[in-house]
C-alpha atoms as a PDB file:
ATOM      1  CA  MET A   1    -145.409-110.658  29.487  1.00  0.00           C
ATOM      2  CA  LEU A   2    -148.221-112.870  29.428  1.00  0.00           C
ATOM      3  CA  VAL A   3    -150.152-114.195  32.402  1.00  0.00           C
ATOM      4  CA  GLY A   4    -151.686-117.515  32.494  1.00  0.00           C
ATOM      5  CA  ILE A   5    -153.076-119.151  35.694  1.00  0.00           C
ATOM      6  CA  GLY A   6    -154.400-123.016  36.235  1.00  0.00           C
ATOM      7  CA  CYS A   7    -155.343-125.026  39.691  1.00  0.00           C
ATOM      8  CA  ASP A   8    -156.700-128.787  39.502  1.00  0.00           C
ATOM      9  CA  ILE A   9    -157.754-131.325  41.972  1.00  0.00           C
ATOM     10  CA  HIS A  10    -157.739-134.867  42.446  1.00  0.00           C
ATOM     11  CA  ARG A  11    -158.712-137.748  44.677  1.00  0.00           C
ATOM     12  CA  LEU A  12    -156.547-139.839  46.416  1.00  0.00           C
ATOM     13  CA  VAL A  13    -157.184-143.274  46.441  1.00  0.00           C
ATOM     14  CA  THR A  14    -155.269-146.441  47.114  1.00  0.00           C
ATOM     15  CA  GLY A  15    -153.210-148.196  44.411  1.00  0.00           C
ATOM     16  CA  ARG A  16    -151.847-145.330  42.598  1.00  0.00           C
ATOM     17  CA  LYS A  17    -147.979-143.684  42.889  1.00  0.00           C
ATOM     18  CA  LEU A  18    -148.187-139.893  43.603  1.00  0.00           C
ATOM     19  CA  VAL A  19    -146.619-137.935  41.161  1.00  0.00           C
ATOM     20  CA  LEU A  20    -146.233-133.924  42.123  1.00  0.00           C
ATOM     21  CA  GLY A  21    -144.482-132.140  39.960  1.00  0.00           C
ATOM     22  CA  GLY A  22    -142.906-134.944  38.244  1.00  0.00           C
ATOM     23  CA  VAL A  23    -141.777-136.186  41.341  1.00  0.00           C
ATOM     24  CA  ARG A  24    -142.152-139.473  42.709  1.00  0.00           C
ATOM     25  CA  VAL A  25    -143.672-139.244  46.284  1.00  0.00           C
ATOM     26  CA  GLU A  26    -143.480-141.900  48.562  1.00  0.00           C
ATOM     27  CA  HIS A  27    -147.608-142.319  50.199  1.00  0.00           C
ATOM     28  CA  GLU A  28    -149.181-144.972  50.662  1.00  0.00           C
ATOM     29  CA  SER A  29    -152.348-143.378  48.317  1.00  0.00           C
ATOM     30  CA  GLY A  30    -151.823-141.711  44.700  1.00  0.00           C
ATOM     31  CA  LEU A  31    -154.287-139.603  42.671  1.00  0.00           C
ATOM     32  CA  LEU A  32    -156.889-141.017  40.569  1.00  0.00           C
ATOM     33  CA  GLY A  33    -157.120-139.621  36.995  1.00  0.00           C
ATOM     34  CA  HIS A  34    -157.594-140.666  33.235  1.00  0.00           C
ATOM     35  CA  SER A  35    -153.796-139.672  33.165  1.00  0.00           C
ATOM     36  CA  ASP A  36    -151.062-139.745  36.138  1.00  0.00           C
ATOM     37  CA  GLY A  37    -152.816-137.500  38.258  1.00  0.00           C
ATOM     38  CA  ASP A  38    -150.081-135.030  38.735  1.00  0.00           C
ATOM     39  CA  VAL A  39    -152.101-132.097  39.345  1.00  0.00           C
ATOM     40  CA  LEU A  40    -149.014-129.895  39.937  1.00  0.00           C
ATOM     41  CA  LEU A  41    -148.254-130.894  36.299  1.00  0.00           C
ATOM     42  CA  HIS A  42    -151.822-130.089  35.245  1.00  0.00           C
ATOM     43  CA  ALA A  43    -152.018-126.842  36.473  1.00  0.00           C
ATOM     44  CA  VAL A  44    -149.023-125.716  35.253  1.00  0.00           C
ATOM     45  CA  SER A  45    -149.906-127.273  32.073  1.00  0.00           C
ATOM     46  CA  ASP A  46    -153.185-124.875  32.329  1.00  0.00           C
ATOM     47  CA  ALA A  47    -151.162-121.872  33.265  1.00  0.00           C
ATOM     48  CA  VAL A  48    -149.159-122.057  30.334  1.00  0.00           C
ATOM     49  CA  LEU A  49    -152.016-123.031  27.892  1.00  0.00           C
ATOM     50  CA  GLY A  50    -153.722-119.706  29.081  1.00  0.00           C
ATOM     51  CA  ALA A  51    -151.491-117.418  28.684  1.00  0.00           C
ATOM     52  CA  SER A  52    -150.922-118.323  25.330  1.00  0.00           C
ATOM     53  CA  ALA A  53    -154.461-118.642  24.418  1.00  0.00           C
ATOM     54  CA  HIS A  54    -154.520-122.472  24.049  1.00  0.00           C
ATOM     55  CA  GLY A  55    -157.556-123.513  26.000  1.00  0.00           C
ATOM     56  CA  ASP A  56    -156.922-126.103  28.759  1.00  0.00           C
ATOM     57  CA  ILE A  57    -155.677-129.567  29.217  1.00  0.00           C
ATOM     58  CA  GLY A  58    -158.980-130.880  29.302  1.00  0.00           C
ATOM     59  CA  GLU A  59    -159.636-129.939  25.199  1.00  0.00           C
ATOM     60  CA  LEU A  60    -156.132-130.947  24.102  1.00  0.00           C
ATOM     61  CA  PHE A  61    -156.068-134.442  26.063  1.00  0.00           C
ATOM     62  CA  PRO A  62    -159.750-135.086  26.833  1.00  0.00           C
ATOM     63  CA  ASP A  63    -160.436-137.561  29.552  1.00  0.00           C
ATOM     64  CA  THR A  64    -163.415-139.528  27.079  1.00  0.00           C
ATOM     65  CA  ASP A  65    -160.454-140.563  24.644  1.00  0.00           C
ATOM     66  CA  PRO A  66    -158.852-144.017  25.730  1.00  0.00           C
ATOM     67  CA  GLN A  67    -155.524-142.851  23.756  1.00  0.00           C
ATOM     68  CA  TYR A  68    -154.779-140.563  26.784  1.00  0.00           C
ATOM     69  CA  LYS A  69    -155.355-143.314  29.275  1.00  0.00           C
ATOM     70  CA  GLY A  70    -152.201-143.260  31.837  1.00  0.00           C
ATOM     71  CA  ILE A  71    -150.653-140.610  30.014  1.00  0.00           C
ATOM     72  CA  SER A  72    -147.733-138.787  31.902  1.00  0.00           C
ATOM     73  CA  SER A  73    -148.247-135.144  32.852  1.00  0.00           C
ATOM     74  CA  GLU A  74    -144.934-134.558  31.470  1.00  0.00           C
ATOM     75  CA  VAL A  75    -146.133-135.420  27.921  1.00  0.00           C
ATOM     76  CA  ILE A  76    -149.294-133.220  28.699  1.00  0.00           C
ATOM     77  CA  LEU A  77    -147.091-130.167  29.827  1.00  0.00           C
ATOM     78  CA  GLY A  78    -144.228-130.862  26.790  1.00  0.00           C
ATOM     79  CA  GLU A  79    -147.562-129.979  24.515  1.00  0.00           C
ATOM     80  CA  ALA A  80    -148.528-127.083  26.138  1.00  0.00           C
ATOM     81  CA  LEU A  81    -145.171-125.626  25.918  1.00  0.00           C
ATOM     82  CA  SER A  82    -144.716-126.885  22.231  1.00  0.00           C
ATOM     83  CA  LEU A  83    -147.775-124.645  21.623  1.00  0.00           C
ATOM     84  CA  ALA A  84    -146.938-121.657  23.617  1.00  0.00           C
ATOM     85  CA  ALA A  85    -143.922-121.976  21.236  1.00  0.00           C
ATOM     86  CA  GLU A  86    -145.351-122.221  17.855  1.00  0.00           C
ATOM     87  CA  ARG A  87    -146.538-118.952  19.235  1.00  0.00           C
ATOM     88  CA  ARG A  88    -142.530-117.749  19.749  1.00  0.00           C
ATOM     89  CA  LEU A  89    -143.110-117.946  23.999  1.00  0.00           C
ATOM     90  CA  LYS A  90    -141.261-119.182  26.146  1.00  0.00           C
ATOM     91  CA  VAL A  91    -142.111-119.628  30.308  1.00  0.00           C
ATOM     92  CA  TYR A  92    -140.156-116.641  32.233  1.00  0.00           C
ATOM     93  CA  ASN A  93    -141.234-117.241  35.550  1.00  0.00           C
ATOM     94  CA  LEU A  94    -143.684-120.050  37.599  1.00  0.00           C
ATOM     95  CA  ASP A  95    -145.132-119.686  40.877  1.00  0.00           C
ATOM     96  CA  CYS A  96    -147.089-122.224  42.284  1.00  0.00           C
ATOM     97  CA  ILE A  97    -149.012-123.976  45.698  1.00  0.00           C
ATOM     98  CA  ILE A  98    -149.477-127.512  46.157  1.00  0.00           C
ATOM     99  CA  PHE A  99    -152.415-127.974  48.755  1.00  0.00           C
ATOM    100  CA  ALA A 100    -152.156-131.468  50.862  1.00  0.00           C
ATOM    101  CA  GLU A 101    -152.772-132.185  54.450  1.00  0.00           C
ATOM    102  CA  GLU A 102    -150.445-135.474  53.282  1.00  0.00           C
ATOM    103  CA  PRO A 103    -147.501-136.346  52.590  1.00  0.00           C
ATOM    104  CA  LYS A 104    -145.586-133.615  53.913  1.00  0.00           C
ATOM    105  CA  LEU A 105    -143.829-131.653  51.225  1.00  0.00           C
ATOM    106  CA  GLY A 106    -141.356-129.161  52.735  1.00  0.00           C
ATOM    107  CA  PRO A 107    -138.893-131.622  52.331  1.00  0.00           C
ATOM    108  CA  LEU A 108    -139.410-132.299  48.742  1.00  0.00           C
ATOM    109  CA  LYS A 109    -140.098-128.375  47.688  1.00  0.00           C
ATOM    110  CA  GLN A 110    -136.573-128.175  45.939  1.00  0.00           C
ATOM    111  CA  GLU A 111    -136.510-131.488  44.539  1.00  0.00           C
ATOM    112  CA  ILE A 112    -140.162-130.293  42.927  1.00  0.00           C
ATOM    113  CA  ARG A 113    -138.422-126.792  42.075  1.00  0.00           C
ATOM    114  CA  ALA A 114    -135.716-128.536  40.243  1.00  0.00           C
ATOM    115  CA  LYS A 115    -137.513-130.570  38.377  1.00  0.00           C
ATOM    116  CA  LEU A 116    -140.079-127.950  37.027  1.00  0.00           C
ATOM    117  CA  ALA A 117    -137.078-126.033  36.183  1.00  0.00           C
ATOM    118  CA  GLU A 118    -135.794-128.387  34.318  1.00  0.00           C
ATOM    119  CA  LEU A 119    -139.097-129.642  32.252  1.00  0.00           C
ATOM    120  CA  LEU A 120    -139.940-125.839  31.583  1.00  0.00           C
ATOM    121  CA  SER A 121    -135.995-125.146  30.304  1.00  0.00           C
ATOM    122  CA  ILE A 122    -135.812-122.592  32.880  1.00  0.00           C
ATOM    123  CA  GLN A 123    -133.555-121.447  35.908  1.00  0.00           C
ATOM    124  CA  ALA A 124    -134.444-123.030  39.216  1.00  0.00           C
ATOM    125  CA  ASP A 125    -134.128-119.101  40.736  1.00  0.00           C
ATOM    126  CA  ARG A 126    -137.584-118.351  38.409  1.00  0.00           C
ATOM    127  CA  VAL A 127    -139.677-121.494  39.849  1.00  0.00           C
ATOM    128  CA  ASN A 128    -140.865-121.220  43.209  1.00  0.00           C
ATOM    129  CA  VAL A 129    -143.188-124.390  44.944  1.00  0.00           C
ATOM    130  CA  LYS A 130    -144.940-123.505  48.219  1.00  0.00           C
ATOM    131  CA  ALA A 131    -146.634-126.353  50.143  1.00  0.00           C
ATOM    132  CA  LYS A 132    -150.129-125.274  52.332  1.00  0.00           C
ATOM    133  CA  THR A 133    -152.128-127.525  54.236  1.00  0.00           C
ATOM    134  CA  MET A 134    -156.111-127.014  54.547  1.00  0.00           C
ATOM    135  CA  GLU A 135    -156.079-126.972  58.347  1.00  0.00           C
ATOM    136  CA  GLY A 136    -158.297-129.761  58.352  1.00  0.00           C
ATOM    137  CA  LEU A 137    -160.948-128.415  56.062  1.00  0.00           C
ATOM    138  CA  GLY A 138    -162.629-129.495  53.091  1.00  0.00           C
ATOM    139  CA  ALA A 139    -161.642-132.705  51.163  1.00  0.00           C
ATOM    140  CA  ILE A 140    -158.134-131.558  50.815  1.00  0.00           C
ATOM    141  CA  GLY A 141    -157.993-131.246  54.611  1.00  0.00           C
ATOM    142  CA  SER A 142    -159.746-134.562  55.605  1.00  0.00           C
ATOM    143  CA  GLY A 143    -157.052-136.322  53.081  1.00  0.00           C
ATOM    144  CA  GLU A 144    -159.390-137.316  50.424  1.00  0.00           C
ATOM    145  CA  ALA A 145    -157.592-134.726  47.929  1.00  0.00           C
ATOM    146  CA  ILE A 146    -154.678-132.886  46.661  1.00  0.00           C
ATOM    147  CA  ALA A 147    -154.822-129.738  44.785  1.00  0.00           C
ATOM    148  CA  ALA A 148    -152.501-127.394  42.942  1.00  0.00           C
ATOM    149  CA  GLN A 149    -152.608-123.424  41.243  1.00  0.00           C
ATOM    150  CA  ALA A 150    -150.071-122.420  39.505  1.00  0.00           C
ATOM    151  CA  VAL A 151    -149.212-118.747  37.479  1.00  0.00           C
ATOM    152  CA  VAL A 152    -147.140-118.232  34.806  1.00  0.00           C
ATOM    153  CA  THR A 153    -145.211-115.362  32.666  1.00  0.00           C
ATOM    154  CA  LEU A 154    -144.415-115.950  29.075  1.00  0.00           C
ATOM    155  CA  GLU A 155    -142.254-114.123  27.113  1.00  0.00           C
ATOM    156  CA  GLU A 156    -141.461-113.721  23.841  1.00  0.00           C
ATOM    157  CA  SER A 157    -138.704-115.857  22.517  1.00  0.00           C
ATOM    158  CA  ARG A 158    -135.559-114.168  20.392  1.00  0.00           C
END
């Protein structure tokens, strides 16, 4: 087993859609980013890249490269999984946290869990999604940003 950790944070802005874990979330603001800004998929992608020793998404998809402007984070995750597969590694399980004051994510956790399981090609009982607030503290607590952390384990494919 190999373990990887990932984290990401993006500022909330008006005029963008909010996507978390590949799921469209109804909210008046979305996440600013060179890509679609999905902090959860970015954290998961970095965790996969870390466990498979492939660097990070900034190296693979630099925000200075216009070809990646607006790219879906599902594409980023797919590339991370492909690189892991080249080393005969696949995701065994995922544990992740979304840090957001708003919107309230409790009702969406199961939908996000199912989407992550689908994207990772694993059973949903190997995916855990937690949602936490920051109790009004900092950029996240004041509703200016959303962040995510993820830990994955990879196992050798047979």
